[in-house]
mmCIF file of all heavy atoms, coordinates in Angstrom:
data_MODEL
# 
_entry.id   MODEL 
# 
loop_
_atom_site.group_PDB 
_atom_site.id 
_atom_site.type_symbol 
_atom_site.label_atom_id 
_atom_site.label_alt_id 
_atom_site.label_comp_id 
_atom_site.label_asym_id 
_atom_site.label_entity_id 
_atom_site.label_seq_id 
_atom_site.pdbx_PDB_ins_code 
_atom_site.Cartn_x 
_atom_site.Cartn_y 
_atom_site.Cartn_z 
_atom_site.occupancy 
_atom_site.B_iso_or_equiv 
_atom_site.pdbx_formal_charge 
_atom_site.auth_seq_id 
_atom_site.auth_comp_id 
_atom_site.auth_asym_id 
_atom_site.auth_atom_id 
_atom_site.pdbx_PDB_model_num 
ATOM 1   N N   . ASN A 1 1  ? 113.395 77.890  92.231  1.00 0.00 ? 1  ASN A N   1 
ATOM 2   C CA  . ASN A 1 1  ? 112.460 76.873  91.860  1.00 0.00 ? 1  ASN A CA  1 
ATOM 3   C C   . ASN A 1 1  ? 112.251 76.867  90.348  1.00 0.00 ? 1  ASN A C   1 
ATOM 4   O O   . ASN A 1 1  ? 112.485 77.890  89.675  1.00 0.00 ? 1  ASN A O   1 
ATOM 5   C CB  . ASN A 1 1  ? 111.120 77.019  92.584  1.00 0.00 ? 1  ASN A CB  1 
ATOM 6   C CG  . ASN A 1 1  ? 110.217 75.846  92.439  1.00 0.00 ? 1  ASN A CG  1 
ATOM 7   O OD1 . ASN A 1 1  ? 109.526 75.741  91.413  1.00 0.00 ? 1  ASN A OD1 1 
ATOM 8   N ND2 . ASN A 1 1  ? 110.221 74.963  93.403  1.00 0.00 ? 1  ASN A ND2 1 
ATOM 9   N N   . PHE A 1 2  ? 111.847 75.744  89.742  1.00 0.00 ? 2  PHE A N   1 
ATOM 10  C CA  . PHE A 1 2  ? 111.862 75.627  88.321  1.00 0.00 ? 2  PHE A CA  1 
ATOM 11  C C   . PHE A 1 2  ? 110.737 76.461  87.623  1.00 0.00 ? 2  PHE A C   1 
ATOM 12  O O   . PHE A 1 2  ? 110.776 76.656  86.429  1.00 0.00 ? 2  PHE A O   1 
ATOM 13  C CB  . PHE A 1 2  ? 111.716 74.166  87.894  1.00 0.00 ? 2  PHE A CB  1 
ATOM 14  C CG  . PHE A 1 2  ? 110.342 73.571  88.124  1.00 0.00 ? 2  PHE A CG  1 
ATOM 15  C CD1 . PHE A 1 2  ? 109.413 73.484  87.082  1.00 0.00 ? 2  PHE A CD1 1 
ATOM 16  C CD2 . PHE A 1 2  ? 109.985 73.078  89.377  1.00 0.00 ? 2  PHE A CD2 1 
ATOM 17  C CE1 . PHE A 1 2  ? 108.155 72.956  87.302  1.00 0.00 ? 2  PHE A CE1 1 
ATOM 18  C CE2 . PHE A 1 2  ? 108.750 72.530  89.595  1.00 0.00 ? 2  PHE A CE2 1 
ATOM 19  C CZ  . PHE A 1 2  ? 107.818 72.485  88.569  1.00 0.00 ? 2  PHE A CZ  1 
ATOM 20  N N   . THR A 1 3  ? 109.816 76.990  88.403  1.00 0.00 ? 3  THR A N   1 
ATOM 21  C CA  . THR A 1 3  ? 108.819 77.923  87.839  1.00 0.00 ? 3  THR A CA  1 
ATOM 22  C C   . THR A 1 3  ? 108.972 79.347  88.389  1.00 0.00 ? 3  THR A C   1 
ATOM 23  O O   . THR A 1 3  ? 108.125 80.173  88.182  1.00 0.00 ? 3  THR A O   1 
ATOM 24  C CB  . THR A 1 3  ? 107.423 77.443  88.092  1.00 0.00 ? 3  THR A CB  1 
ATOM 25  O OG1 . THR A 1 3  ? 107.193 77.283  89.511  1.00 0.00 ? 3  THR A OG1 1 
ATOM 26  C CG2 . THR A 1 3  ? 107.132 76.103  87.379  1.00 0.00 ? 3  THR A CG2 1 
ATOM 27  N N   . GLY A 1 4  ? 110.052 79.595  89.147  1.00 0.00 ? 4  GLY A N   1 
ATOM 28  C CA  . GLY A 1 4  ? 110.288 80.927  89.646  1.00 0.00 ? 4  GLY A CA  1 
ATOM 29  C C   . GLY A 1 4  ? 109.482 81.290  90.862  1.00 0.00 ? 4  GLY A C   1 
ATOM 30  O O   . GLY A 1 4  ? 109.271 82.505  91.147  1.00 0.00 ? 4  GLY A O   1 
ATOM 31  N N   . LYS A 1 5  ? 109.010 80.310  91.622  1.00 0.00 ? 5  LYS A N   1 
ATOM 32  C CA  . LYS A 1 5  ? 108.187 80.589  92.809  1.00 0.00 ? 5  LYS A CA  1 
ATOM 33  C C   . LYS A 1 5  ? 109.020 81.033  93.987  1.00 0.00 ? 5  LYS A C   1 
ATOM 34  O O   . LYS A 1 5  ? 108.494 81.414  95.032  1.00 0.00 ? 5  LYS A O   1 
ATOM 35  C CB  . LYS A 1 5  ? 107.365 79.349  93.165  1.00 0.00 ? 5  LYS A CB  1 
ATOM 36  C CG  . LYS A 1 5  ? 106.419 78.890  92.076  1.00 0.00 ? 5  LYS A CG  1 
ATOM 37  C CD  . LYS A 1 5  ? 105.324 79.871  91.825  1.00 0.00 ? 5  LYS A CD  1 
ATOM 38  C CE  . LYS A 1 5  ? 104.331 79.328  90.798  1.00 0.00 ? 5  LYS A CE  1 
ATOM 39  N NZ  . LYS A 1 5  ? 103.281 80.280  90.427  1.00 0.00 ? 5  LYS A NZ  1 
ATOM 40  N N   . GLY A 1 6  ? 110.330 80.858  93.896  1.00 0.00 ? 6  GLY A N   1 
ATOM 41  C CA  . GLY A 1 6  ? 111.237 81.218  95.013  1.00 0.00 ? 6  GLY A CA  1 
ATOM 42  C C   . GLY A 1 6  ? 111.481 80.038  95.915  1.00 0.00 ? 6  GLY A C   1 
ATOM 43  O O   . GLY A 1 6  ? 110.913 78.953  95.749  1.00 0.00 ? 6  GLY A O   1 
ATOM 44  N N   . GLY A 1 7  ? 112.400 80.229  96.860  1.00 0.00 ? 7  GLY A N   1 
ATOM 45  C CA  . GLY A 1 7  ? 112.733 79.144  97.782  1.00 0.00 ? 7  GLY A CA  1 
ATOM 46  C C   . GLY A 1 7  ? 113.713 79.659  98.865  1.00 0.00 ? 7  GLY A C   1 
ATOM 47  O O   . GLY A 1 7  ? 114.231 80.753  98.801  1.00 0.00 ? 7  GLY A O   1 
ATOM 48  N N   . ALA A 1 8  ? 113.870 78.779  99.864  1.00 0.00 ? 8  ALA A N   1 
ATOM 49  C CA  . ALA A 1 8  ? 114.713 79.127  101.004 1.00 0.00 ? 8  ALA A CA  1 
ATOM 50  C C   . ALA A 1 8  ? 116.174 78.861  100.710 1.00 0.00 ? 8  ALA A C   1 
ATOM 51  O O   . ALA A 1 8  ? 116.512 77.942  99.967  1.00 0.00 ? 8  ALA A O   1 
ATOM 52  C CB  . ALA A 1 8  ? 114.291 78.309  102.208 1.00 0.00 ? 8  ALA A CB  1 
ATOM 53  N N   . LEU A 1 9  ? 117.065 79.681  101.287 1.00 0.00 ? 9  LEU A N   1 
ATOM 54  C CA  . LEU A 1 9  ? 118.482 79.512  101.198 1.00 0.00 ? 9  LEU A CA  1 
ATOM 55  C C   . LEU A 1 9  ? 119.040 79.272  102.601 1.00 0.00 ? 9  LEU A C   1 
ATOM 56  O O   . LEU A 1 9  ? 118.262 79.029  103.550 1.00 0.00 ? 9  LEU A O   1 
ATOM 57  C CB  . LEU A 1 9  ? 119.147 80.698  100.544 1.00 0.00 ? 9  LEU A CB  1 
ATOM 58  C CG  . LEU A 1 9  ? 118.661 81.063  99.086  1.00 0.00 ? 9  LEU A CG  1 
ATOM 59  C CD1 . LEU A 1 9  ? 119.301 82.324  98.626  1.00 0.00 ? 9  LEU A CD1 1 
ATOM 60  C CD2 . LEU A 1 9  ? 118.951 79.894  98.158  1.00 0.00 ? 9  LEU A CD2 1 
ATOM 61  N N   . THR A 1 10 ? 120.312 79.358  102.777 1.00 0.00 ? 10 THR A N   1 
ATOM 62  C CA  . THR A 1 10 ? 120.894 79.110  104.071 1.00 0.00 ? 10 THR A CA  1 
ATOM 63  C C   . THR A 1 10 ? 120.847 80.324  104.997 1.00 0.00 ? 10 THR A C   1 
ATOM 64  O O   . THR A 1 10 ? 120.776 81.467  104.539 1.00 0.00 ? 10 THR A O   1 
ATOM 65  C CB  . THR A 1 10 ? 122.408 78.680  103.940 1.00 0.00 ? 10 THR A CB  1 
ATOM 66  O OG1 . THR A 1 10 ? 123.073 79.743  103.266 1.00 0.00 ? 10 THR A OG1 1 
ATOM 67  C CG2 . THR A 1 10 ? 122.517 77.426  103.114 1.00 0.00 ? 10 THR A CG2 1 
ATOM 68  N N   . ARG A 1 11 ? 120.802 80.061  106.313 1.00 0.00 ? 11 ARG A N   1 
ATOM 69  C CA  . ARG A 1 11 ? 120.905 81.133  107.354 1.00 0.00 ? 11 ARG A CA  1 
ATOM 70  C C   . ARG A 1 11 ? 119.896 82.216  107.199 1.00 0.00 ? 11 ARG A C   1 
ATOM 71  O O   . ARG A 1 11 ? 120.181 83.402  107.348 1.00 0.00 ? 11 ARG A O   1 
ATOM 72  C CB  . ARG A 1 11 ? 122.346 81.696  107.363 1.00 0.00 ? 11 ARG A CB  1 
ATOM 73  C CG  . ARG A 1 11 ? 123.420 80.668  107.615 1.00 0.00 ? 11 ARG A CG  1 
ATOM 74  C CD  . ARG A 1 11 ? 124.789 81.296  107.666 1.00 0.00 ? 11 ARG A CD  1 
ATOM 75  N NE  . ARG A 1 11 ? 125.823 80.282  107.971 1.00 0.00 ? 11 ARG A NE  1 
ATOM 76  C CZ  . ARG A 1 11 ? 127.100 80.545  108.080 1.00 0.00 ? 11 ARG A CZ  1 
ATOM 77  N NH1 . ARG A 1 11 ? 127.552 81.775  107.918 1.00 0.00 ? 11 ARG A NH1 1 
ATOM 78  N NH2 . ARG A 1 11 ? 128.003 79.593  108.348 1.00 0.00 ? 11 ARG A NH2 1 
ATOM 79  N N   . GLY A 1 12 ? 118.645 81.817  106.922 1.00 0.00 ? 12 GLY A N   1 
ATOM 80  C CA  . GLY A 1 12 ? 117.570 82.798  106.894 1.00 0.00 ? 12 GLY A CA  1 
ATOM 81  C C   . GLY A 1 12 ? 117.430 83.562  105.549 1.00 0.00 ? 12 GLY A C   1 
ATOM 82  O O   . GLY A 1 12 ? 116.543 84.362  105.427 1.00 0.00 ? 12 GLY A O   1 
ATOM 83  N N   . LYS A 1 13 ? 118.321 83.289  104.609 1.00 0.00 ? 13 LYS A N   1 
ATOM 84  C CA  . LYS A 1 13 ? 118.232 83.945  103.343 1.00 0.00 ? 13 LYS A CA  1 
ATOM 85  C C   . LYS A 1 13 ? 117.199 83.247  102.431 1.00 0.00 ? 13 LYS A C   1 
ATOM 86  O O   . LYS A 1 13 ? 116.835 82.115  102.707 1.00 0.00 ? 13 LYS A O   1 
ATOM 87  C CB  . LYS A 1 13 ? 119.577 83.999  102.668 1.00 0.00 ? 13 LYS A CB  1 
ATOM 88  C CG  . LYS A 1 13 ? 120.685 84.731  103.456 1.00 0.00 ? 13 LYS A CG  1 
ATOM 89  C CD  . LYS A 1 13 ? 122.039 84.575  102.832 1.00 0.00 ? 13 LYS A CD  1 
ATOM 90  C CE  . LYS A 1 13 ? 123.106 85.180  103.692 1.00 0.00 ? 13 LYS A CE  1 
ATOM 91  N NZ  . LYS A 1 13 ? 124.454 85.034  103.101 1.00 0.00 ? 13 LYS A NZ  1 
ATOM 92  N N   . TYR A 1 14 ? 116.803 83.872  101.414 1.00 0.00 ? 14 TYR A N   1 
ATOM 93  C CA  . TYR A 1 14 ? 115.856 83.254  100.499 1.00 0.00 ? 14 TYR A CA  1 
ATOM 94  C C   . TYR A 1 14 ? 115.959 83.856  99.093  1.00 0.00 ? 14 TYR A C   1 
ATOM 95  O O   . TYR A 1 14 ? 116.453 84.964  98.913  1.00 0.00 ? 14 TYR A O   1 
ATOM 96  C CB  . TYR A 1 14 ? 114.416 83.488  101.027 1.00 0.00 ? 14 TYR A CB  1 
ATOM 97  C CG  . TYR A 1 14 ? 114.030 84.943  101.131 1.00 0.00 ? 14 TYR A CG  1 
ATOM 98  C CD1 . TYR A 1 14 ? 113.414 85.624  100.090 1.00 0.00 ? 14 TYR A CD1 1 
ATOM 99  C CD2 . TYR A 1 14 ? 114.298 85.669  102.279 1.00 0.00 ? 14 TYR A CD2 1 
ATOM 100 C CE1 . TYR A 1 14 ? 113.077 86.979  100.163 1.00 0.00 ? 14 TYR A CE1 1 
ATOM 101 C CE2 . TYR A 1 14 ? 113.966 87.002  102.403 1.00 0.00 ? 14 TYR A CE2 1 
ATOM 102 C CZ  . TYR A 1 14 ? 113.369 87.649  101.335 1.00 0.00 ? 14 TYR A CZ  1 
ATOM 103 O OH  . TYR A 1 14 ? 113.056 88.994  101.436 1.00 0.00 ? 14 TYR A OH  1 
ATOM 104 N N   . ALA A 1 15 ? 115.525 83.024  98.135  1.00 0.00 ? 15 ALA A N   1 
ATOM 105 C CA  . ALA A 1 15 ? 115.423 83.519  96.747  1.00 0.00 ? 15 ALA A CA  1 
ATOM 106 C C   . ALA A 1 15 ? 113.965 83.970  96.535  1.00 0.00 ? 15 ALA A C   1 
ATOM 107 O O   . ALA A 1 15 ? 113.048 83.140  96.666  1.00 0.00 ? 15 ALA A O   1 
ATOM 108 C CB  . ALA A 1 15 ? 115.773 82.403  95.757  1.00 0.00 ? 15 ALA A CB  1 
ATOM 109 N N   . PRO A 1 16 ? 113.729 85.214  96.208  1.00 0.00 ? 16 PRO A N   1 
ATOM 110 C CA  . PRO A 1 16 ? 112.378 85.732  96.138  1.00 0.00 ? 16 PRO A CA  1 
ATOM 111 C C   . PRO A 1 16 ? 111.615 85.121  94.943  1.00 0.00 ? 16 PRO A C   1 
ATOM 112 O O   . PRO A 1 16 ? 112.223 84.668  93.969  1.00 0.00 ? 16 PRO A O   1 
ATOM 113 C CB  . PRO A 1 16 ? 112.528 87.222  95.985  1.00 0.00 ? 16 PRO A CB  1 
ATOM 114 C CG  . PRO A 1 16 ? 113.882 87.381  95.365  1.00 0.00 ? 16 PRO A CG  1 
ATOM 115 C CD  . PRO A 1 16 ? 114.702 86.299  95.937  1.00 0.00 ? 16 PRO A CD  1 
ATOM 116 N N   . SER A 1 17 ? 110.301 85.165  95.041  1.00 0.00 ? 17 SER A N   1 
ATOM 117 C CA  . SER A 1 17 ? 109.492 84.733  93.891  1.00 0.00 ? 17 SER A CA  1 
ATOM 118 C C   . SER A 1 17 ? 109.645 85.705  92.770  1.00 0.00 ? 17 SER A C   1 
ATOM 119 O O   . SER A 1 17 ? 109.775 86.917  92.927  1.00 0.00 ? 17 SER A O   1 
ATOM 120 C CB  . SER A 1 17 ? 107.984 84.697  94.353  1.00 0.00 ? 17 SER A CB  1 
ATOM 121 O OG  . SER A 1 17 ? 107.178 84.485  93.216  1.00 0.00 ? 17 SER A OG  1 
ATOM 122 N N   . LEU A 1 18 ? 109.605 85.164  91.530  1.00 0.00 ? 18 LEU A N   1 
ATOM 123 C CA  . LEU A 1 18 ? 109.742 86.015  90.341  1.00 0.00 ? 18 LEU A CA  1 
ATOM 124 C C   . LEU A 1 18 ? 108.442 86.231  89.682  1.00 0.00 ? 18 LEU A C   1 
ATOM 125 O O   . LEU A 1 18 ? 108.339 86.818  88.576  1.00 0.00 ? 18 LEU A O   1 
ATOM 126 C CB  . LEU A 1 18 ? 110.714 85.330  89.363  1.00 0.00 ? 18 LEU A CB  1 
ATOM 127 C CG  . LEU A 1 18 ? 112.140 85.088  89.870  1.00 0.00 ? 18 LEU A CG  1 
ATOM 128 C CD1 . LEU A 1 18 ? 112.948 84.368  88.845  1.00 0.00 ? 18 LEU A CD1 1 
ATOM 129 C CD2 . LEU A 1 18 ? 112.772 86.391  90.344  1.00 0.00 ? 18 LEU A CD2 1 
ATOM 130 N N   . GLU A 1 19 ? 107.370 85.774  90.273  1.00 0.00 ? 19 GLU A N   1 
ATOM 131 C CA  . GLU A 1 19 ? 106.013 85.940  89.718  1.00 0.00 ? 19 GLU A CA  1 
ATOM 132 C C   . GLU A 1 19 ? 105.571 87.420  89.844  1.00 0.00 ? 19 GLU A C   1 
ATOM 133 O O   . GLU A 1 19 ? 105.584 87.986  90.939  1.00 0.00 ? 19 GLU A O   1 
ATOM 134 C CB  . GLU A 1 19 ? 104.992 85.042  90.445  1.00 0.00 ? 19 GLU A CB  1 
ATOM 135 C CG  . GLU A 1 19 ? 103.620 85.011  89.784  1.00 0.00 ? 19 GLU A CG  1 
ATOM 136 C CD  . GLU A 1 19 ? 102.731 83.970  90.371  1.00 0.00 ? 19 GLU A CD  1 
ATOM 137 O OE1 . GLU A 1 19 ? 103.133 83.359  91.396  1.00 0.00 ? 19 GLU A OE1 1 
ATOM 138 O OE2 . GLU A 1 19 ? 101.656 83.759  89.818  1.00 0.00 ? 19 GLU A OE2 1 
ATOM 139 N N   . GLY A 1 20 ? 105.168 88.014  88.767  1.00 0.00 ? 20 GLY A N   1 
ATOM 140 C CA  . GLY A 1 20 ? 104.711 89.400  88.745  1.00 0.00 ? 20 GLY A CA  1 
ATOM 141 C C   . GLY A 1 20 ? 105.855 90.418  88.789  1.00 0.00 ? 20 GLY A C   1 
ATOM 142 O O   . GLY A 1 20 ? 105.560 91.620  88.893  1.00 0.00 ? 20 GLY A O   1 
ATOM 143 N N   . VAL A 1 21 ? 107.082 90.012  88.738  1.00 0.00 ? 21 VAL A N   1 
ATOM 144 C CA  . VAL A 1 21 ? 108.230 90.961  88.774  1.00 0.00 ? 21 VAL A CA  1 
ATOM 145 C C   . VAL A 1 21 ? 108.328 91.616  87.406  1.00 0.00 ? 21 VAL A C   1 
ATOM 146 O O   . VAL A 1 21 ? 108.217 90.988  86.359  1.00 0.00 ? 21 VAL A O   1 
ATOM 147 C CB  . VAL A 1 21 ? 109.526 90.256  89.156  1.00 0.00 ? 21 VAL A CB  1 
ATOM 148 C CG1 . VAL A 1 21 ? 110.694 91.228  89.167  1.00 0.00 ? 21 VAL A CG1 1 
ATOM 149 C CG2 . VAL A 1 21 ? 109.363 89.604  90.546  1.00 0.00 ? 21 VAL A CG2 1 
ATOM 150 N N   . ASP A 1 22 ? 108.624 92.934  87.416  1.00 0.00 ? 22 ASP A N   1 
ATOM 151 C CA  . ASP A 1 22 ? 108.811 93.677  86.161  1.00 0.00 ? 22 ASP A CA  1 
ATOM 152 C C   . ASP A 1 22 ? 109.954 93.056  85.374  1.00 0.00 ? 22 ASP A C   1 
ATOM 153 O O   . ASP A 1 22 ? 111.037 92.807  85.900  1.00 0.00 ? 22 ASP A O   1 
ATOM 154 C CB  . ASP A 1 22 ? 109.132 95.141  86.508  1.00 0.00 ? 22 ASP A CB  1 
ATOM 155 C CG  . ASP A 1 22 ? 109.104 96.043  85.297  1.00 0.00 ? 22 ASP A CG  1 
ATOM 156 O OD1 . ASP A 1 22 ? 109.576 95.608  84.212  1.00 0.00 ? 22 ASP A OD1 1 
ATOM 157 O OD2 . ASP A 1 22 ? 108.604 97.159  85.400  1.00 0.00 ? 22 ASP A OD2 1 
ATOM 158 N N   . PRO A 1 23 ? 109.760 92.781  84.054  1.00 0.00 ? 23 PRO A N   1 
ATOM 159 C CA  . PRO A 1 23 ? 110.826 92.187  83.255  1.00 0.00 ? 23 PRO A CA  1 
ATOM 160 C C   . PRO A 1 23 ? 112.086 92.986  83.281  1.00 0.00 ? 23 PRO A C   1 
ATOM 161 O O   . PRO A 1 23 ? 113.201 92.410  83.252  1.00 0.00 ? 23 PRO A O   1 
ATOM 162 C CB  . PRO A 1 23 ? 110.220 92.151  81.837  1.00 0.00 ? 23 PRO A CB  1 
ATOM 163 C CG  . PRO A 1 23 ? 108.741 92.096  82.053  1.00 0.00 ? 23 PRO A CG  1 
ATOM 164 C CD  . PRO A 1 23 ? 108.505 92.904  83.329  1.00 0.00 ? 23 PRO A CD  1 
ATOM 165 N N   . LYS A 1 24 ? 111.987 94.289  83.389  1.00 0.00 ? 24 LYS A N   1 
ATOM 166 C CA  . LYS A 1 24 ? 113.193 95.093  83.418  1.00 0.00 ? 24 LYS A CA  1 
ATOM 167 C C   . LYS A 1 24 ? 114.009 94.827  84.701  1.00 0.00 ? 24 LYS A C   1 
ATOM 168 O O   . LYS A 1 24 ? 115.214 94.738  84.653  1.00 0.00 ? 24 LYS A O   1 
ATOM 169 C CB  . LYS A 1 24 ? 112.828 96.625  83.427  1.00 0.00 ? 24 LYS A CB  1 
ATOM 170 C CG  . LYS A 1 24 ? 114.051 97.552  83.484  1.00 0.00 ? 24 LYS A CG  1 
ATOM 171 C CD  . LYS A 1 24 ? 113.654 99.001  83.394  1.00 0.00 ? 24 LYS A CD  1 
ATOM 172 C CE  . LYS A 1 24 ? 113.091 99.515  84.647  1.00 0.00 ? 24 LYS A CE  1 
ATOM 173 N NZ  . LYS A 1 24 ? 112.977 100.985 84.731  1.00 0.00 ? 24 LYS A NZ  1 
ATOM 174 N N   . HIS A 1 25 ? 113.320 94.607  85.809  1.00 0.00 ? 25 HIS A N   1 
ATOM 175 C CA  . HIS A 1 25 ? 114.029 94.293  87.062  1.00 0.00 ? 25 HIS A CA  1 
ATOM 176 C C   . HIS A 1 25 ? 114.664 92.905  87.059  1.00 0.00 ? 25 HIS A C   1 
ATOM 177 O O   . HIS A 1 25 ? 115.721 92.701  87.600  1.00 0.00 ? 25 HIS A O   1 
ATOM 178 C CB  . HIS A 1 25 ? 113.037 94.381  88.234  1.00 0.00 ? 25 HIS A CB  1 
ATOM 179 C CG  . HIS A 1 25 ? 112.490 95.780  88.434  1.00 0.00 ? 25 HIS A CG  1 
ATOM 180 N ND1 . HIS A 1 25 ? 111.340 96.061  89.097  1.00 0.00 ? 25 HIS A ND1 1 
ATOM 181 C CD2 . HIS A 1 25 ? 113.066 96.997  88.113  1.00 0.00 ? 25 HIS A CD2 1 
ATOM 182 C CE1 . HIS A 1 25 ? 111.139 97.360  89.134  1.00 0.00 ? 25 HIS A CE1 1 
ATOM 183 N NE2 . HIS A 1 25 ? 112.176 97.953  88.513  1.00 0.00 ? 25 HIS A NE2 1 
# 
């Protein structure tokens, strides 16, 4: 998503939210 909130992918996969994630990670 354009603000890093995450979103659904195919076959039950997903892109996780990037909010609050350590910059190193």
